[in-house]
Amino acid sequence: CADTWPAEAGPAQGVYIHGLFLEGARWDAGQGCLAESHDGSSTASMPTIWLDPAVESAMSHQPEQHYSCPWYSTSARRGANKYGQNHVQELLLAGGEREPEHWVLRGVALLSQLDA
């Protein structure tokens, strides 16, 4: 993840995405991984993400501590919205010292928008 990017240019490969939210956790920019939510906060802004798609078989490795985080259009997390399916895709996020199951039990997900 990156906090800033040059607005006039994209990456040589992939795309930058921004404006996502984490529900059930926060992103620790200093450690570069998921972290427990701050008290009283169920959502947190996600920093800009460099999305560099790759064929899974071509990836050098998938560390055990990476969480396959579901990404949803809305917090409904089910069914469809007026644009189609609510589930967008899964993104691998570093889980820090926690096993992926920890984040599953927390219900951690990326959201494109928060409820109004």
PDB file of N, CA and C in Angstrom:
ATOM      1  N   CYS A   1       0.834  -1.183   0.000  1.00  0.00           N
ATOM      2  CA  CYS A   1       0.000   0.000   0.000  1.00  0.00           C
ATOM      3  C   CYS A   1       0.876   1.242   0.000  1.00  0.00           C
ATOM      4  N   ALA A   2       0.358   2.268  -0.581  1.00  0.00           N
ATOM      5  CA  ALA A   2       1.077   3.534  -0.633  1.00  0.00           C
ATOM      6  C   ALA A   2       0.154   4.631  -0.130  1.00  0.00           C
ATOM      7  N   ASP A   3       0.706   5.614   0.561  1.00  0.00           N
ATOM      8  CA  ASP A   3      -0.114   6.712   1.045  1.00  0.00           C
ATOM      9  C   ASP A   3      -0.390   7.730  -0.044  1.00  0.00           C
ATOM     10  N   THR A   4       0.537   7.903  -0.961  1.00  0.00           N
ATOM     11  CA  THR A   4       0.364   8.864  -2.041  1.00  0.00           C
ATOM     12  C   THR A   4       0.866   8.261  -3.335  1.00  0.00           C
ATOM     13  N   TRP A   5       0.479   8.844  -4.433  1.00  0.00           N
ATOM     14  CA  TRP A   5       0.954   8.402  -5.734  1.00  0.00           C
ATOM     15  C   TRP A   5       0.934   9.614  -6.656  1.00  0.00           C
ATOM     16  N   PRO A   6       1.732   9.584  -7.717  1.00  0.00           N
ATOM     17  CA  PRO A   6       1.726  10.715  -8.642  1.00  0.00           C
ATOM     18  C   PRO A   6       0.410  10.748  -9.422  1.00  0.00           C
ATOM     19  N   ALA A   7      -0.367  11.806  -9.245  1.00  0.00           N
ATOM     20  CA  ALA A   7      -1.694  11.892  -9.862  1.00  0.00           C
ATOM     21  C   ALA A   7      -1.631  11.878 -11.382  1.00  0.00           C
ATOM     22  N   GLU A   8      -0.553  12.364 -11.944  1.00  0.00           N
ATOM     23  CA  GLU A   8      -0.467  12.452 -13.398  1.00  0.00           C
ATOM     24  C   GLU A   8      -0.035  11.151 -14.064  1.00  0.00           C
ATOM     25  N   ALA A   9       0.398  10.183 -13.279  1.00  0.00           N
ATOM     26  CA  ALA A   9       0.874   8.943 -13.881  1.00  0.00           C
ATOM     27  C   ALA A   9       0.443   7.742 -13.047  1.00  0.00           C
ATOM     28  N   GLY A  10       0.127   6.673 -13.735  1.00  0.00           N
ATOM     29  CA  GLY A  10      -0.197   5.426 -13.055  1.00  0.00           C
ATOM     30  C   GLY A  10       1.062   4.588 -12.939  1.00  0.00           C
ATOM     31  N   PRO A  11       0.962   3.438 -12.323  1.00  0.00           N
ATOM     32  CA  PRO A  11       2.126   2.560 -12.220  1.00  0.00           C
ATOM     33  C   PRO A  11       2.455   1.961 -13.591  1.00  0.00           C
ATOM     34  N   ALA A  12       3.665   1.467 -13.740  1.00  0.00           N
ATOM     35  CA  ALA A  12       4.068   0.832 -14.999  1.00  0.00           C
ATOM     36  C   ALA A  12       3.213  -0.395 -15.283  1.00  0.00           C
ATOM     37  N   GLN A  13       2.772  -1.064 -14.235  1.00  0.00           N
ATOM     38  CA  GLN A  13       1.921  -2.244 -14.375  1.00  0.00           C
ATOM     39  C   GLN A  13       0.874  -2.212 -13.284  1.00  0.00           C
ATOM     40  N   GLY A  14      -0.352  -2.606 -13.594  1.00  0.00           N
ATOM     41  CA  GLY A  14      -1.430  -2.609 -12.615  1.00  0.00           C
ATOM     42  C   GLY A  14      -2.095  -1.253 -12.506  1.00  0.00           C
ATOM     43  N   VAL A  15      -2.815  -1.050 -11.403  1.00  0.00           N
ATOM     44  CA  VAL A  15      -3.526   0.212 -11.163  1.00  0.00           C
ATOM     45  C   VAL A  15      -3.453   0.566  -9.683  1.00  0.00           C
ATOM     46  N   TYR A  16      -3.632   1.856  -9.404  1.00  0.00           N
ATOM     47  CA  TYR A  16      -3.804   2.307  -8.031  1.00  0.00           C
ATOM     48  C   TYR A  16      -5.307   2.394  -7.761  1.00  0.00           C
ATOM     49  N   ILE A  17      -5.739   1.929  -6.596  1.00  0.00           N
ATOM     50  CA  ILE A  17      -7.125   2.109  -6.193  1.00  0.00           C
ATOM     51  C   ILE A  17      -7.139   2.777  -4.824  1.00  0.00           C
ATOM     52  N   HIS A  18      -8.090   3.663  -4.648  1.00  0.00           N
ATOM     53  CA  HIS A  18      -8.205   4.341  -3.357  1.00  0.00           C
ATOM     54  C   HIS A  18      -9.672   4.567  -3.038  1.00  0.00           C
ATOM     55  N   GLY A  19      -9.946   4.881  -1.793  1.00  0.00           N
ATOM     56  CA  GLY A  19     -11.302   5.136  -1.364  1.00  0.00           C
ATOM     57  C   GLY A  19     -11.985   3.925  -0.741  1.00  0.00           C
ATOM     58  N   LEU A  20     -11.242   2.853  -0.494  1.00  0.00           N
ATOM     59  CA  LEU A  20     -11.823   1.672   0.140  1.00  0.00           C
ATOM     60  C   LEU A  20     -11.798   1.818   1.662  1.00  0.00           C
ATOM     61  N   PHE A  21     -12.630   1.036   2.314  1.00  0.00           N
ATOM     62  CA  PHE A  21     -12.707   1.021   3.766  1.00  0.00           C
ATOM     63  C   PHE A  21     -12.520  -0.400   4.259  1.00  0.00           C
ATOM     64  N   LEU A  22     -11.922  -0.535   5.429  1.00  0.00           N
ATOM     65  CA  LEU A  22     -11.813  -1.828   6.106  1.00  0.00           C
ATOM     66  C   LEU A  22     -12.873  -1.888   7.183  1.00  0.00           C
ATOM     67  N   GLU A  23     -13.575  -2.997   7.249  1.00  0.00           N
ATOM     68  CA  GLU A  23     -14.542  -3.207   8.324  1.00  0.00           C
ATOM     69  C   GLU A  23     -14.030  -4.353   9.179  1.00  0.00           C
ATOM     70  N   GLY A  24     -13.986  -4.144  10.499  1.00  0.00           N
ATOM     71  CA  GLY A  24     -13.551  -5.179  11.424  1.00  0.00           C
ATOM     72  C   GLY A  24     -12.072  -5.151  11.740  1.00  0.00           C
ATOM     73  N   ALA A  25     -11.336  -4.233  11.129  1.00  0.00           N
ATOM     74  CA  ALA A  25      -9.893  -4.094  11.366  1.00  0.00           C
ATOM     75  C   ALA A  25      -9.465  -2.727  10.846  1.00  0.00           C
ATOM     76  N   ARG A  26      -8.193  -2.439  10.992  1.00  0.00           N
ATOM     77  CA  ARG A  26      -7.617  -1.222  10.408  1.00  0.00           C
ATOM     78  C   ARG A  26      -6.304  -1.611   9.752  1.00  0.00           C
ATOM     79  N   TRP A  27      -5.768  -0.727   8.934  1.00  0.00           N
ATOM     80  CA  TRP A  27      -4.482  -0.966   8.302  1.00  0.00           C
ATOM     81  C   TRP A  27      -3.407  -0.243   9.098  1.00  0.00           C
ATOM     82  N   ASP A  28      -2.391  -0.960   9.533  1.00  0.00           N
ATOM     83  CA  ASP A  28      -1.247  -0.388  10.239  1.00  0.00           C
ATOM     84  C   ASP A  28      -0.190  -0.053   9.196  1.00  0.00           C
ATOM     85  N   ALA A  29      -0.122   1.210   8.808  1.00  0.00           N
ATOM     86  CA  ALA A  29       0.804   1.629   7.753  1.00  0.00           C
ATOM     87  C   ALA A  29       2.260   1.432   8.162  1.00  0.00           C
ATOM     88  N   GLY A  30       2.556   1.598   9.441  1.00  0.00           N
ATOM     89  CA  GLY A  30       3.925   1.419   9.922  1.00  0.00           C
ATOM     90  C   GLY A  30       4.411  -0.015   9.784  1.00  0.00           C
ATOM     91  N   GLN A  31       3.526  -0.963  10.051  1.00  0.00           N
ATOM     92  CA  GLN A  31       3.871  -2.380   9.961  1.00  0.00           C
ATOM     93  C   GLN A  31       3.518  -2.984   8.599  1.00  0.00           C
ATOM     94  N   GLY A  32       2.663  -2.285   7.836  1.00  0.00           N
ATOM     95  CA  GLY A  32       2.255  -2.786   6.532  1.00  0.00           C
ATOM     96  C   GLY A  32       1.376  -4.025   6.614  1.00  0.00           C
ATOM     97  N   CYS A  33       0.430  -4.009   7.583  1.00  0.00           N
ATOM     98  CA  CYS A  33      -0.427  -5.186   7.750  1.00  0.00           C
ATOM     99  C   CYS A  33      -1.716  -4.805   8.473  1.00  0.00           C
ATOM    100  N   LEU A  34      -2.644  -5.763   8.514  1.00  0.00           N
ATOM    101  CA  LEU A  34      -3.873  -5.585   9.266  1.00  0.00           C
ATOM    102  C   LEU A  34      -3.568  -5.469  10.756  1.00  0.00           C
ATOM    103  N   ALA A  35      -4.409  -4.730  11.455  1.00  0.00           N
ATOM    104  CA  ALA A  35      -4.274  -4.582  12.905  1.00  0.00           C
ATOM    105  C   ALA A  35      -5.679  -4.490  13.503  1.00  0.00           C
ATOM    106  N   GLU A  36      -5.756  -4.705  14.800  1.00  0.00           N
ATOM    107  CA  GLU A  36      -7.040  -4.592  15.486  1.00  0.00           C
ATOM    108  C   GLU A  36      -7.583  -3.179  15.339  1.00  0.00           C
ATOM    109  N   SER A  37      -8.910  -3.064  15.261  1.00  0.00           N
ATOM    110  CA  SER A  37      -9.567  -1.761  15.173  1.00  0.00           C
ATOM    111  C   SER A  37      -9.303  -0.958  16.434  1.00  0.00           C
ATOM    112  N   HIS A  38      -9.308   0.360  16.276  1.00  0.00           N
ATOM    113  CA  HIS A  38      -9.235   1.224  17.455  1.00  0.00           C
ATOM    114  C   HIS A  38     -10.566   1.112  18.193  1.00  0.00           C
ATOM    115  N   ASP A  39     -10.552   1.319  19.495  1.00  0.00           N
ATOM    116  CA  ASP A  39     -11.771   1.228  20.305  1.00  0.00           C
ATOM    117  C   ASP A  39     -12.876   2.105  19.732  1.00  0.00           C
ATOM    118  N   GLY A  40     -14.065   1.526  19.627  1.00  0.00           N
ATOM    119  CA  GLY A  40     -15.236   2.277  19.181  1.00  0.00           C
ATOM    120  C   GLY A  40     -15.339   2.499  17.687  1.00  0.00           C
ATOM    121  N   SER A  41     -14.419   1.952  16.921  1.00  0.00           N
ATOM    122  CA  SER A  41     -14.447   2.151  15.474  1.00  0.00           C
ATOM    123  C   SER A  41     -14.612   0.816  14.764  1.00  0.00           C
ATOM    124  N   SER A  42     -15.653   0.692  13.956  1.00  0.00           N
ATOM    125  CA  SER A  42     -15.851  -0.564  13.232  1.00  0.00           C
ATOM    126  C   SER A  42     -15.295  -0.503  11.814  1.00  0.00           C
ATOM    127  N   THR A  43     -15.066   0.720  11.310  1.00  0.00           N
ATOM    128  CA  THR A  43     -14.492   0.865   9.970  1.00  0.00           C
ATOM    129  C   THR A  43     -13.313   1.826  10.008  1.00  0.00           C
ATOM    130  N   ALA A  44     -12.429   1.662   9.023  1.00  0.00           N
ATOM    131  CA  ALA A  44     -11.267   2.534   8.895  1.00  0.00           C
ATOM    132  C   ALA A  44     -10.961   2.707   7.414  1.00  0.00           C
ATOM    133  N   SER A  45     -10.443   3.859   7.052  1.00  0.00           N
ATOM    134  CA  SER A  45     -10.040   4.095   5.666  1.00  0.00           C
ATOM    135  C   SER A  45      -8.829   3.249   5.334  1.00  0.00           C
ATOM    136  N   MET A  46      -8.829   2.716   4.149  1.00  0.00           N
ATOM    137  CA  MET A  46      -7.695   1.937   3.658  1.00  0.00           C
ATOM    138  C   MET A  46      -6.819   2.870   2.841  1.00  0.00           C
ATOM    139  N   PRO A  47      -5.501   2.802   2.996  1.00  0.00           N
ATOM    140  CA  PRO A  47      -4.648   3.652   2.160  1.00  0.00           C
ATOM    141  C   PRO A  47      -4.719   3.198   0.697  1.00  0.00           C
ATOM    142  N   THR A  48      -4.151   3.981  -0.177  1.00  0.00           N
ATOM    143  CA  THR A  48      -4.108   3.636  -1.592  1.00  0.00           C
ATOM    144  C   THR A  48      -3.438   2.280  -1.779  1.00  0.00           C
ATOM    145  N   ILE A  49      -4.026   1.468  -2.638  1.00  0.00           N
ATOM    146  CA  ILE A  49      -3.520   0.123  -2.898  1.00  0.00           C
ATOM    147  C   ILE A  49      -3.012   0.045  -4.330  1.00  0.00           C
ATOM    148  N   TRP A  50      -1.833  -0.512  -4.505  1.00  0.00           N
ATOM    149  CA  TRP A  50      -1.330  -0.806  -5.847  1.00  0.00           C
ATOM    150  C   TRP A  50      -1.815  -2.207  -6.175  1.00  0.00           C
ATOM    151  N   LEU A  51      -2.750  -2.307  -7.081  1.00  0.00           N
ATOM    152  CA  LEU A  51      -3.315  -3.586  -7.481  1.00  0.00           C
ATOM    153  C   LEU A  51      -2.544  -4.074  -8.702  1.00  0.00           C
ATOM    154  N   ASP A  52      -1.765  -5.122  -8.484  1.00  0.00           N
ATOM    155  CA  ASP A  52      -0.927  -5.689  -9.540  1.00  0.00           C
ATOM    156  C   ASP A  52      -1.345  -7.143  -9.732  1.00  0.00           C
ATOM    157  N   PRO A  53      -2.380  -7.378 -10.543  1.00  0.00           N
ATOM    158  CA  PRO A  53      -2.890  -8.743 -10.721  1.00  0.00           C
ATOM    159  C   PRO A  53      -1.827  -9.697 -11.247  1.00  0.00           C
ATOM    160  N   ALA A  54      -1.891 -10.936 -10.773  1.00  0.00           N
ATOM    161  CA  ALA A  54      -0.954 -11.969 -11.203  1.00  0.00           C
ATOM    162  C   ALA A  54      -1.668 -13.307 -11.212  1.00  0.00           C
ATOM    163  N   VAL A  55      -1.225 -14.173 -12.065  1.00  0.00           N
ATOM    164  CA  VAL A  55      -1.738 -15.537 -12.080  1.00  0.00           C
ATOM    165  C   VAL A  55      -1.194 -16.231 -10.835  1.00  0.00           C
ATOM    166  N   GLU A  56      -2.080 -16.857 -10.073  1.00  0.00           N
ATOM    167  CA  GLU A  56      -1.671 -17.447  -8.795  1.00  0.00           C
ATOM    168  C   GLU A  56      -0.506 -18.415  -8.949  1.00  0.00           C
ATOM    169  N   SER A  57      -0.516 -19.207  -9.996  1.00  0.00           N
ATOM    170  CA  SER A  57       0.568 -20.179 -10.183  1.00  0.00           C
ATOM    171  C   SER A  57       1.904 -19.503 -10.477  1.00  0.00           C
ATOM    172  N   ALA A  58       1.867 -18.233 -10.918  1.00  0.00           N
ATOM    173  CA  ALA A  58       3.101 -17.514 -11.223  1.00  0.00           C
ATOM    174  C   ALA A  58       3.643 -16.748 -10.016  1.00  0.00           C
ATOM    175  N   MET A  59       2.874 -16.691  -8.938  1.00  0.00           N
ATOM    176  CA  MET A  59       3.331 -15.972  -7.754  1.00  0.00           C
ATOM    177  C   MET A  59       4.439 -16.761  -7.081  1.00  0.00           C
ATOM    178  N   SER A  60       5.452 -16.052  -6.600  1.00  0.00           N
ATOM    179  CA  SER A  60       6.596 -16.729  -5.996  1.00  0.00           C
ATOM    180  C   SER A  60       6.205 -17.470  -4.718  1.00  0.00           C
ATOM    181  N   HIS A  61       5.322 -16.874  -3.918  1.00  0.00           N
ATOM    182  CA  HIS A  61       4.855 -17.534  -2.699  1.00  0.00           C
ATOM    183  C   HIS A  61       3.682 -16.757  -2.120  1.00  0.00           C
ATOM    184  N   GLN A  62       2.930 -17.398  -1.291  1.00  0.00           N
ATOM    185  CA  GLN A  62       1.861 -16.756  -0.549  1.00  0.00           C
ATOM    186  C   GLN A  62       2.123 -17.012   0.927  1.00  0.00           C
ATOM    187  N   PRO A  63       2.690 -16.036   1.610  1.00  0.00           N
ATOM    188  CA  PRO A  63       2.974 -16.241   3.033  1.00  0.00           C
ATOM    189  C   PRO A  63       1.733 -16.683   3.798  1.00  0.00           C
ATOM    190  N   GLU A  64       1.954 -17.552   4.766  1.00  0.00           N
ATOM    191  CA  GLU A  64       0.849 -18.082   5.564  1.00  0.00           C
ATOM    192  C   GLU A  64       0.063 -16.986   6.256  1.00  0.00           C
ATOM    193  N   GLN A  65       0.698 -15.882   6.548  1.00  0.00           N
ATOM    194  CA  GLN A  65       0.047 -14.827   7.312  1.00  0.00           C
ATOM    195  C   GLN A  65      -0.763 -13.868   6.437  1.00  0.00           C
ATOM    196  N   HIS A  66      -1.020 -14.200   5.200  1.00  0.00           N
ATOM    197  CA  HIS A  66      -1.835 -13.352   4.344  1.00  0.00           C
ATOM    198  C   HIS A  66      -3.287 -13.796   4.422  1.00  0.00           C
ATOM    199  N   TYR A  67      -4.156 -12.813   4.550  1.00  0.00           N
ATOM    200  CA  TYR A  67      -5.592 -13.047   4.664  1.00  0.00           C
ATOM    201  C   TYR A  67      -6.245 -12.752   3.315  1.00  0.00           C
ATOM    202  N   SER A  68      -7.020 -13.676   2.818  1.00  0.00           N
ATOM    203  CA  SER A  68      -7.763 -13.479   1.581  1.00  0.00           C
ATOM    204  C   SER A  68      -9.019 -12.678   1.939  1.00  0.00           C
ATOM    205  N   CYS A  69      -8.902 -11.363   1.831  1.00  0.00           N
ATOM    206  CA  CYS A  69      -9.934 -10.446   2.318  1.00  0.00           C
ATOM    207  C   CYS A  69     -11.022 -10.231   1.265  1.00  0.00           C
ATOM    208  N   PRO A  70     -12.279 -10.512   1.606  1.00  0.00           N
ATOM    209  CA  PRO A  70     -13.354 -10.252   0.657  1.00  0.00           C
ATOM    210  C   PRO A  70     -13.584  -8.746   0.495  1.00  0.00           C
ATOM    211  N   TRP A  71     -13.911  -8.350  -0.724  1.00  0.00           N
ATOM    212  CA  TRP A  71     -14.170  -6.946  -1.044  1.00  0.00           C
ATOM    213  C   TRP A  71     -15.603  -6.869  -1.548  1.00  0.00           C
ATOM    214  N   TYR A  72     -16.407  -6.035  -0.884  1.00  0.00           N
ATOM    215  CA  TYR A  72     -17.816  -5.880  -1.227  1.00  0.00           C
ATOM    216  C   TYR A  72     -18.110  -4.443  -1.653  1.00  0.00           C
ATOM    217  N   SER A  73     -19.107  -4.287  -2.497  1.00  0.00           N
ATOM    218  CA  SER A  73     -19.544  -2.947  -2.912  1.00  0.00           C
ATOM    219  C   SER A  73     -20.124  -2.188  -1.724  1.00  0.00           C
ATOM    220  N   THR A  74     -20.927  -2.872  -0.913  1.00  0.00           N
ATOM    221  CA  THR A  74     -21.572  -2.253   0.242  1.00  0.00           C
ATOM    222  C   THR A  74     -21.397  -3.151   1.462  1.00  0.00           C
ATOM    223  N   SER A  75     -21.836  -2.659   2.603  1.00  0.00           N
ATOM    224  CA  SER A  75     -21.694  -3.445   3.828  1.00  0.00           C
ATOM    225  C   SER A  75     -22.735  -4.561   3.924  1.00  0.00           C
ATOM    226  N   ALA A  76     -23.645  -4.660   2.977  1.00  0.00           N
ATOM    227  CA  ALA A  76     -24.674  -5.702   3.019  1.00  0.00           C
ATOM    228  C   ALA A  76     -24.050  -7.091   2.971  1.00  0.00           C
ATOM    229  N   ARG A  77     -22.967  -7.256   2.228  1.00  0.00           N
ATOM    230  CA  ARG A  77     -22.220  -8.511   2.146  1.00  0.00           C
ATOM    231  C   ARG A  77     -23.050  -9.692   1.653  1.00  0.00           C
ATOM    232  N   ARG A  78     -24.148  -9.456   1.018  1.00  0.00           N
ATOM    233  CA  ARG A  78     -24.953 -10.563   0.502  1.00  0.00           C
ATOM    234  C   ARG A  78     -25.752 -10.075  -0.697  1.00  0.00           C
ATOM    235  N   GLY A  79     -26.236 -11.018  -1.466  1.00  0.00           N
ATOM    236  CA  GLY A  79     -27.117 -10.690  -2.578  1.00  0.00           C
ATOM    237  C   GLY A  79     -26.485  -9.755  -3.585  1.00  0.00           C
ATOM    238  N   ALA A  80     -27.328  -8.994  -4.203  1.00  0.00           N
ATOM    239  CA  ALA A  80     -26.881  -8.095  -5.263  1.00  0.00           C
ATOM    240  C   ALA A  80     -27.335  -6.673  -4.961  1.00  0.00           C
ATOM    241  N   ASN A  81     -26.624  -5.731  -5.547  1.00  0.00           N
ATOM    242  CA  ASN A  81     -27.053  -4.344  -5.475  1.00  0.00           C
ATOM    243  C   ASN A  81     -27.593  -3.956  -6.849  1.00  0.00           C
ATOM    244  N   LYS A  82     -27.921  -2.715  -7.076  1.00  0.00           N
ATOM    245  CA  LYS A  82     -28.524  -2.332  -8.350  1.00  0.00           C
ATOM    246  C   LYS A  82     -27.550  -2.452  -9.526  1.00  0.00           C
ATOM    247  N   TYR A  83     -26.267  -2.616  -9.240  1.00  0.00           N
ATOM    248  CA  TYR A  83     -25.280  -2.746 -10.309  1.00  0.00           C
ATOM    249  C   TYR A  83     -24.888  -4.194 -10.585  1.00  0.00           C
ATOM    250  N   GLY A  84     -25.393  -5.117  -9.816  1.00  0.00           N
ATOM    251  CA  GLY A  84     -25.023  -6.516  -9.988  1.00  0.00           C
ATOM    252  C   GLY A  84     -24.632  -7.120  -8.661  1.00  0.00           C
ATOM    253  N   GLN A  85     -23.719  -8.040  -8.680  1.00  0.00           N
ATOM    254  CA  GLN A  85     -23.303  -8.723  -7.455  1.00  0.00           C
ATOM    255  C   GLN A  85     -22.608  -7.767  -6.493  1.00  0.00           C
ATOM    256  N   ASN A  86     -22.807  -7.985  -5.219  1.00  0.00           N
ATOM    257  CA  ASN A  86     -22.207  -7.160  -4.184  1.00  0.00           C
ATOM    258  C   ASN A  86     -20.742  -7.520  -3.945  1.00  0.00           C
ATOM    259  N   HIS A  87     -20.377  -8.784  -4.131  1.00  0.00           N
ATOM    260  CA  HIS A  87     -18.996  -9.219  -3.931  1.00  0.00           C
ATOM    261  C   HIS A  87     -18.163  -8.807  -5.138  1.00  0.00           C
ATOM    262  N   VAL A  88     -17.062  -8.099  -4.898  1.00  0.00           N
ATOM    263  CA  VAL A  88     -16.206  -7.631  -5.991  1.00  0.00           C
ATOM    264  C   VAL A  88     -15.140  -8.673  -6.279  1.00  0.00           C
ATOM    265  N   GLN A  89     -14.307  -8.972  -5.292  1.00  0.00           N
ATOM    266  CA  GLN A  89     -13.252  -9.969  -5.428  1.00  0.00           C
ATOM    267  C   GLN A  89     -12.574 -10.146  -4.082  1.00  0.00           C
ATOM    268  N   GLU A  90     -11.542 -10.969  -4.040  1.00  0.00           N
ATOM    269  CA  GLU A  90     -10.732 -11.178  -2.839  1.00  0.00           C
ATOM    270  C   GLU A  90      -9.371 -10.518  -3.067  1.00  0.00           C
ATOM    271  N   LEU A  91      -8.828  -9.883  -2.034  1.00  0.00           N
ATOM    272  CA  LEU A  91      -7.483  -9.322  -2.089  1.00  0.00           C
ATOM    273  C   LEU A  91      -6.654  -9.936  -0.970  1.00  0.00           C
ATOM    274  N   LEU A  92      -5.419 -10.321  -1.276  1.00  0.00           N
ATOM    275  CA  LEU A  92      -4.514 -10.834  -0.246  1.00  0.00           C
ATOM    276  C   LEU A  92      -3.949  -9.654   0.538  1.00  0.00           C
ATOM    277  N   LEU A  93      -4.201  -9.644   1.847  1.00  0.00           N
ATOM    278  CA  LEU A  93      -3.679  -8.599   2.730  1.00  0.00           C
ATOM    279  C   LEU A  93      -2.801  -9.240   3.790  1.00  0.00           C
ATOM    280  N   ALA A  94      -1.690  -8.592   4.089  1.00  0.00           N
ATOM    281  CA  ALA A  94      -0.802  -9.082   5.142  1.00  0.00           C
ATOM    282  C   ALA A  94      -1.546  -9.052   6.467  1.00  0.00           C
ATOM    283  N   GLY A  95      -1.519 -10.163   7.169  1.00  0.00           N
ATOM    284  CA  GLY A  95      -2.240 -10.284   8.435  1.00  0.00           C
ATOM    285  C   GLY A  95      -1.391 -10.052   9.665  1.00  0.00           C
ATOM    286  N   GLY A  96      -0.156  -9.624   9.473  1.00  0.00           N
ATOM    287  CA  GLY A  96       0.722  -9.408  10.616  1.00  0.00           C
ATOM    288  C   GLY A  96       1.051 -10.725  11.287  1.00  0.00           C
ATOM    289  N   GLU A  97       1.074 -10.711  12.604  1.00  0.00           N
ATOM    290  CA  GLU A  97       1.396 -11.931  13.348  1.00  0.00           C
ATOM    291  C   GLU A  97       0.177 -12.822  13.562  1.00  0.00           C
ATOM    292  N   ARG A  98      -0.963 -12.399  13.084  1.00  0.00           N
ATOM    293  CA  ARG A  98      -2.204 -13.164  13.264  1.00  0.00           C
ATOM    294  C   ARG A  98      -2.399 -14.139  12.113  1.00  0.00           C
ATOM    295  N   GLU A  99      -2.949 -15.290  12.443  1.00  0.00           N
ATOM    296  CA  GLU A  99      -3.322 -16.275  11.422  1.00  0.00           C
ATOM    297  C   GLU A  99      -4.529 -15.738  10.648  1.00  0.00           C
ATOM    298  N   PRO A 100      -4.704 -16.128   9.390  1.00  0.00           N
ATOM    299  CA  PRO A 100      -5.861 -15.672   8.623  1.00  0.00           C
ATOM    300  C   PRO A 100      -7.196 -15.952   9.319  1.00  0.00           C
ATOM    301  N   GLU A 101      -7.287 -17.055  10.050  1.00  0.00           N
ATOM    302  CA  GLU A 101      -8.530 -17.409  10.740  1.00  0.00           C
ATOM    303  C   GLU A 101      -8.960 -16.330  11.735  1.00  0.00           C
ATOM    304  N   HIS A 102      -7.997 -15.627  12.311  1.00  0.00           N
ATOM    305  CA  HIS A 102      -8.304 -14.545  13.247  1.00  0.00           C
ATOM    306  C   HIS A 102      -9.144 -13.476  12.547  1.00  0.00           C
ATOM    307  N   TRP A 103      -8.729 -13.105  11.332  1.00  0.00           N
ATOM    308  CA  TRP A 103      -9.427 -12.056  10.596  1.00  0.00           C
ATOM    309  C   TRP A 103     -10.774 -12.561  10.071  1.00  0.00           C
ATOM    310  N   VAL A 104     -10.859 -13.850   9.768  1.00  0.00           N
ATOM    311  CA  VAL A 104     -12.138 -14.438   9.366  1.00  0.00           C
ATOM    312  C   VAL A 104     -13.133 -14.319  10.515  1.00  0.00           C
ATOM    313  N   LEU A 105     -12.717 -14.677  11.724  1.00  0.00           N
ATOM    314  CA  LEU A 105     -13.592 -14.599  12.897  1.00  0.00           C
ATOM    315  C   LEU A 105     -13.995 -13.162  13.216  1.00  0.00           C
ATOM    316  N   ARG A 106     -13.146 -12.207  12.878  1.00  0.00           N
ATOM    317  CA  ARG A 106     -13.456 -10.793  13.086  1.00  0.00           C
ATOM    318  C   ARG A 106     -14.408 -10.272  12.005  1.00  0.00           C
ATOM    319  N   GLY A 107     -14.576 -11.039  10.928  1.00  0.00           N
ATOM    320  CA  GLY A 107     -15.447 -10.594   9.831  1.00  0.00           C
ATOM    321  C   GLY A 107     -14.840  -9.471   9.021  1.00  0.00           C
ATOM    322  N   VAL A 108     -13.519  -9.436   8.923  1.00  0.00           N
ATOM    323  CA  VAL A 108     -12.833  -8.350   8.219  1.00  0.00           C
ATOM    324  C   VAL A 108     -13.132  -8.401   6.727  1.00  0.00           C
ATOM    325  N   ALA A 109     -13.499  -7.243   6.183  1.00  0.00           N
ATOM    326  CA  ALA A 109     -13.784  -7.129   4.757  1.00  0.00           C
ATOM    327  C   ALA A 109     -13.458  -5.720   4.278  1.00  0.00           C
ATOM    328  N   LEU A 110     -13.184  -5.619   2.996  1.00  0.00           N
ATOM    329  CA  LEU A 110     -13.032  -4.321   2.348  1.00  0.00           C
ATOM    330  C   LEU A 110     -14.389  -3.902   1.813  1.00  0.00           C
ATOM    331  N   LEU A 111     -14.698  -2.611   1.916  1.00  0.00           N
ATOM    332  CA  LEU A 111     -15.950  -2.072   1.413  1.00  0.00           C
ATOM    333  C   LEU A 111     -15.664  -0.920   0.461  1.00  0.00           C
ATOM    334  N   SER A 112     -16.419  -0.848  -0.636  1.00  0.00           N
ATOM    335  CA  SER A 112     -16.268   0.264  -1.566  1.00  0.00           C
ATOM    336  C   SER A 112     -16.954   1.528  -1.042  1.00  0.00           C
ATOM    337  N   GLN A 113     -17.993   1.343  -0.231  1.00  0.00           N
ATOM    338  CA  GLN A 113     -18.698   2.491   0.327  1.00  0.00           C
ATOM    339  C   GLN A 113     -19.279   2.123   1.689  1.00  0.00           C
ATOM    340  N   LEU A 114     -19.447   3.160   2.491  1.00  0.00           N
ATOM    341  CA  LEU A 114     -20.063   2.962   3.800  1.00  0.00           C
ATOM    342  C   LEU A 114     -21.553   3.232   3.690  1.00  0.00           C
ATOM    343  N   ASP A 115     -22.326   2.724   4.641  1.00  0.00           N
ATOM    344  CA  ASP A 115     -23.758   2.996   4.651  1.00  0.00           C
ATOM    345  C   ASP A 115     -24.008   4.475   4.844  1.00  0.00           C
ATOM    346  N   ALA A 116     -25.036   4.966   4.183  1.00  0.00           N
ATOM    347  CA  ALA A 116     -25.367   6.402   4.294  1.00  0.00           C
ATOM    348  C   ALA A 116     -26.041   6.720   5.601  1.00  0.00           C
TER     349      ALA A 116
END
